[in-house]
Amino acid sequence: MNMELEDATEDIMQKPQVFFKNITFNDDTQLSFKHNSIIVFTGANNSGKS
């Protein structure tokens, strides 16, 4: 398989992705994230995480 065909195959196989650049909270606190950041929301049940 030549390189051009491999590159085209990789483009087709990619999945859609969503990235957050930053989050601003109600108190105007702002957090910025890097491209590969992992974000975990924790809290009690029924506390509005969704």
PDB file of N, CA and C in Angstrom:
ATOM      1  N   MET A   1       0.865  -1.182   0.000  1.00  0.00           N
ATOM      2  CA  MET A   1       0.000   0.000   0.000  1.00  0.00           C
ATOM      3  C   MET A   1       0.905   1.237   0.000  1.00  0.00           C
ATOM      4  N   ASN A   2       0.616   2.184  -0.877  1.00  0.00           N
ATOM      5  CA  ASN A   2       1.466   3.384  -0.913  1.00  0.00           C
ATOM      6  C   ASN A   2       1.036   4.391   0.142  1.00  0.00           C
ATOM      7  N   MET A   3       1.898   5.387   0.412  1.00  0.00           N
ATOM      8  CA  MET A   3       1.652   6.356   1.485  1.00  0.00           C
ATOM      9  C   MET A   3       0.388   7.177   1.257  1.00  0.00           C
ATOM     10  N   GLU A   4       0.111   7.572   0.015  1.00  0.00           N
ATOM     11  CA  GLU A   4      -1.070   8.403  -0.250  1.00  0.00           C
ATOM     12  C   GLU A   4      -2.345   7.650   0.101  1.00  0.00           C
ATOM     13  N   LEU A   5      -2.405   6.378  -0.232  1.00  0.00           N
ATOM     14  CA  LEU A   5      -3.583   5.574   0.073  1.00  0.00           C
ATOM     15  C   LEU A   5      -3.717   5.368   1.581  1.00  0.00           C
ATOM     16  N   GLU A   6      -2.593   5.159   2.283  1.00  0.00           N
ATOM     17  CA  GLU A   6      -2.631   5.010   3.737  1.00  0.00           C
ATOM     18  C   GLU A   6      -3.157   6.278   4.400  1.00  0.00           C
ATOM     19  N   ASP A   7      -2.678   7.457   3.944  1.00  0.00           N
ATOM     20  CA  ASP A   7      -3.133   8.717   4.510  1.00  0.00           C
ATOM     21  C   ASP A   7      -4.631   8.906   4.292  1.00  0.00           C
ATOM     22  N   ALA A   8      -5.123   8.576   3.128  1.00  0.00           N
ATOM     23  CA  ALA A   8      -6.542   8.714   2.824  1.00  0.00           C
ATOM     24  C   ALA A   8      -7.364   7.779   3.709  1.00  0.00           C
ATOM     25  N   THR A   9      -6.872   6.562   3.924  1.00  0.00           N
ATOM     26  CA  THR A   9      -7.579   5.600   4.768  1.00  0.00           C
ATOM     27  C   THR A   9      -7.650   6.105   6.202  1.00  0.00           C
ATOM     28  N   GLU A  10      -6.566   6.686   6.731  1.00  0.00           N
ATOM     29  CA  GLU A  10      -6.564   7.217   8.091  1.00  0.00           C
ATOM     30  C   GLU A  10      -7.573   8.342   8.239  1.00  0.00           C
ATOM     31  N   ASP A  11      -7.711   9.216   7.235  1.00  0.00           N
ATOM     32  CA  ASP A  11      -8.675  10.309   7.287  1.00  0.00           C
ATOM     33  C   ASP A  11     -10.107   9.783   7.358  1.00  0.00           C
ATOM     34  N   ILE A  12     -10.405   8.731   6.637  1.00  0.00           N
ATOM     35  CA  ILE A  12     -11.752   8.163   6.608  1.00  0.00           C
ATOM     36  C   ILE A  12     -12.071   7.499   7.947  1.00  0.00           C
ATOM     37  N   MET A  13     -11.076   6.876   8.586  1.00  0.00           N
ATOM     38  CA  MET A  13     -11.287   6.100   9.794  1.00  0.00           C
ATOM     39  C   MET A  13     -11.392   6.966  11.052  1.00  0.00           C
ATOM     40  N   GLN A  14     -11.084   8.252  11.005  1.00  0.00           N
ATOM     41  CA  GLN A  14     -11.137   9.091  12.200  1.00  0.00           C
ATOM     42  C   GLN A  14     -12.573   9.281  12.670  1.00  0.00           C
ATOM     43  N   LYS A  15     -12.730   9.335  13.993  1.00  0.00           N
ATOM     44  CA  LYS A  15     -14.039   9.537  14.593  1.00  0.00           C
ATOM     45  C   LYS A  15     -14.227  11.018  14.900  1.00  0.00           C
ATOM     46  N   PRO A  16     -15.463  11.501  14.914  1.00  0.00           N
ATOM     47  CA  PRO A  16     -15.710  12.895  15.305  1.00  0.00           C
ATOM     48  C   PRO A  16     -15.239  13.135  16.736  1.00  0.00           C
ATOM     49  N   GLN A  17     -14.725  14.326  17.008  1.00  0.00           N
ATOM     50  CA  GLN A  17     -14.208  14.656  18.324  1.00  0.00           C
ATOM     51  C   GLN A  17     -14.687  16.034  18.741  1.00  0.00           C
ATOM     52  N   VAL A  18     -14.778  16.239  20.059  1.00  0.00           N
ATOM     53  CA  VAL A  18     -15.152  17.540  20.623  1.00  0.00           C
ATOM     54  C   VAL A  18     -14.062  17.938  21.605  1.00  0.00           C
ATOM     55  N   PHE A  19     -13.641  19.209  21.547  1.00  0.00           N
ATOM     56  CA  PHE A  19     -12.602  19.702  22.442  1.00  0.00           C
ATOM     57  C   PHE A  19     -13.092  20.954  23.146  1.00  0.00           C
ATOM     58  N   PHE A  20     -12.824  21.043  24.436  1.00  0.00           N
ATOM     59  CA  PHE A  20     -13.116  22.247  25.203  1.00  0.00           C
ATOM     60  C   PHE A  20     -11.830  23.050  25.330  1.00  0.00           C
ATOM     61  N   LYS A  21     -11.859  24.316  24.951  1.00  0.00           N
ATOM     62  CA  LYS A  21     -10.699  25.186  25.127  1.00  0.00           C
ATOM     63  C   LYS A  21     -10.682  25.775  26.526  1.00  0.00           C
ATOM     64  N   ASN A  22     -11.867  26.113  27.043  1.00  0.00           N
ATOM     65  CA  ASN A  22     -11.962  26.640  28.400  1.00  0.00           C
ATOM     66  C   ASN A  22     -13.391  26.513  28.912  1.00  0.00           C
ATOM     67  N   ILE A  23     -13.525  26.658  30.227  1.00  0.00           N
ATOM     68  CA  ILE A  23     -14.833  26.641  30.880  1.00  0.00           C
ATOM     69  C   ILE A  23     -14.887  27.855  31.799  1.00  0.00           C
ATOM     70  N   THR A  24     -16.004  28.579  31.756  1.00  0.00           N
ATOM     71  CA  THR A  24     -16.218  29.705  32.667  1.00  0.00           C
ATOM     72  C   THR A  24     -17.386  29.352  33.579  1.00  0.00           C
ATOM     73  N   PHE A  25     -17.147  29.446  34.893  1.00  0.00           N
ATOM     74  CA  PHE A  25     -18.155  29.116  35.889  1.00  0.00           C
ATOM     75  C   PHE A  25     -18.983  30.351  36.245  1.00  0.00           C
ATOM     76  N   ASN A  26     -20.064  30.139  36.998  1.00  0.00           N
ATOM     77  CA  ASN A  26     -20.966  31.237  37.386  1.00  0.00           C
ATOM     78  C   ASN A  26     -20.261  32.360  38.139  1.00  0.00           C
ATOM     79  N   ASP A  27     -19.201  32.033  38.883  1.00  0.00           N
ATOM     80  CA  ASP A  27     -18.481  33.063  39.652  1.00  0.00           C
ATOM     81  C   ASP A  27     -17.353  33.706  38.831  1.00  0.00           C
ATOM     82  N   ASP A  28     -17.383  33.541  37.512  1.00  0.00           N
ATOM     83  CA  ASP A  28     -16.394  34.068  36.554  1.00  0.00           C
ATOM     84  C   ASP A  28     -15.020  33.416  36.654  1.00  0.00           C
ATOM     85  N   THR A  29     -14.888  32.317  37.399  1.00  0.00           N
ATOM     86  CA  THR A  29     -13.656  31.541  37.387  1.00  0.00           C
ATOM     87  C   THR A  29     -13.541  30.883  36.019  1.00  0.00           C
ATOM     88  N   GLN A  30     -12.354  30.955  35.417  1.00  0.00           N
ATOM     89  CA  GLN A  30     -12.165  30.387  34.092  1.00  0.00           C
ATOM     90  C   GLN A  30     -11.018  29.387  34.113  1.00  0.00           C
ATOM     91  N   LEU A  31     -11.247  28.193  33.565  1.00  0.00           N
ATOM     92  CA  LEU A  31     -10.222  27.168  33.438  1.00  0.00           C
ATOM     93  C   LEU A  31      -9.933  26.954  31.963  1.00  0.00           C
ATOM     94  N   SER A  32      -8.650  26.985  31.579  1.00  0.00           N
ATOM     95  CA  SER A  32      -8.236  26.718  30.207  1.00  0.00           C
ATOM     96  C   SER A  32      -7.624  25.328  30.142  1.00  0.00           C
ATOM     97  N   PHE A  33      -7.827  24.658  29.032  1.00  0.00           N
ATOM     98  CA  PHE A  33      -7.363  23.284  28.866  1.00  0.00           C
ATOM     99  C   PHE A  33      -6.432  23.162  27.681  1.00  0.00           C
ATOM    100  N   LYS A  34      -5.505  22.192  27.773  1.00  0.00           N
ATOM    101  CA  LYS A  34      -4.646  21.835  26.649  1.00  0.00           C
ATOM    102  C   LYS A  34      -5.406  20.844  25.776  1.00  0.00           C
ATOM    103  N   HIS A  35      -4.901  20.592  24.595  1.00  0.00           N
ATOM    104  CA  HIS A  35      -5.570  19.723  23.619  1.00  0.00           C
ATOM    105  C   HIS A  35      -5.868  18.333  24.182  1.00  0.00           C
ATOM    106  N   ASN A  36      -4.960  17.741  24.937  1.00  0.00           N
ATOM    107  CA  ASN A  36      -5.140  16.375  25.432  1.00  0.00           C
ATOM    108  C   ASN A  36      -5.571  16.311  26.894  1.00  0.00           C
ATOM    109  N   SER A  37      -6.164  17.367  27.416  1.00  0.00           N
ATOM    110  CA  SER A  37      -6.606  17.368  28.810  1.00  0.00           C
ATOM    111  C   SER A  37      -7.735  16.360  29.021  1.00  0.00           C
ATOM    112  N   ILE A  38      -7.760  15.790  30.209  1.00  0.00           N
ATOM    113  CA  ILE A  38      -8.856  14.896  30.607  1.00  0.00           C
ATOM    114  C   ILE A  38      -9.668  15.636  31.657  1.00  0.00           C
ATOM    115  N   ILE A  39     -10.984  15.750  31.442  1.00  0.00           N
ATOM    116  CA  ILE A  39     -11.856  16.511  32.328  1.00  0.00           C
ATOM    117  C   ILE A  39     -12.809  15.526  33.006  1.00  0.00           C
ATOM    118  N   VAL A  40     -12.873  15.573  34.344  1.00  0.00           N
ATOM    119  CA  VAL A  40     -13.759  14.696  35.091  1.00  0.00           C
ATOM    120  C   VAL A  40     -14.630  15.554  35.987  1.00  0.00           C
ATOM    121  N   PHE A  41     -15.951  15.428  35.846  1.00  0.00           N
ATOM    122  CA  PHE A  41     -16.897  16.123  36.707  1.00  0.00           C
ATOM    123  C   PHE A  41     -17.329  15.179  37.810  1.00  0.00           C
ATOM    124  N   THR A  42     -17.187  15.600  39.053  1.00  0.00           N
ATOM    125  CA  THR A  42     -17.610  14.762  40.180  1.00  0.00           C
ATOM    126  C   THR A  42     -18.597  15.551  41.042  1.00  0.00           C
ATOM    127  N   GLY A  43     -19.367  14.837  41.786  1.00  0.00           N
ATOM    128  CA  GLY A  43     -20.319  15.495  42.683  1.00  0.00           C
ATOM    129  C   GLY A  43     -21.380  14.501  43.135  1.00  0.00           C
ATOM    130  N   ALA A  44     -22.166  14.933  44.074  1.00  0.00           N
ATOM    131  CA  ALA A  44     -23.222  14.078  44.630  1.00  0.00           C
ATOM    132  C   ALA A  44     -24.300  13.788  43.590  1.00  0.00           C
ATOM    133  N   ASN A  45     -25.060  12.729  43.805  1.00  0.00           N
ATOM    134  CA  ASN A  45     -26.203  12.436  42.939  1.00  0.00           C
ATOM    135  C   ASN A  45     -27.201  13.586  43.010  1.00  0.00           C
ATOM    136  N   ASN A  46     -27.837  13.862  41.897  1.00  0.00           N
ATOM    137  CA  ASN A  46     -28.857  14.915  41.780  1.00  0.00           C
ATOM    138  C   ASN A  46     -28.327  16.308  42.097  1.00  0.00           C
ATOM    139  N   SER A  47     -27.031  16.534  41.825  1.00  0.00           N
ATOM    140  CA  SER A  47     -26.453  17.866  42.089  1.00  0.00           C
ATOM    141  C   SER A  47     -26.277  18.695  40.815  1.00  0.00           C
ATOM    142  N   GLY A  48     -26.775  18.206  39.681  1.00  0.00           N
ATOM    143  CA  GLY A  48     -26.752  18.998  38.454  1.00  0.00           C
ATOM    144  C   GLY A  48     -25.535  18.810  37.569  1.00  0.00           C
ATOM    145  N   LYS A  49     -24.892  17.660  37.605  1.00  0.00           N
ATOM    146  CA  LYS A  49     -23.719  17.408  36.767  1.00  0.00           C
ATOM    147  C   LYS A  49     -24.082  17.285  35.301  1.00  0.00           C
ATOM    148  N   SER A  50     -25.255  16.813  35.006  1.00  0.00           N
ATOM    149  CA  SER A  50     -25.622  16.614  33.597  1.00  0.00           C
ATOM    150  C   SER A  50     -25.987  17.950  32.982  1.00  0.00           C
TER     151      SER A  50
END
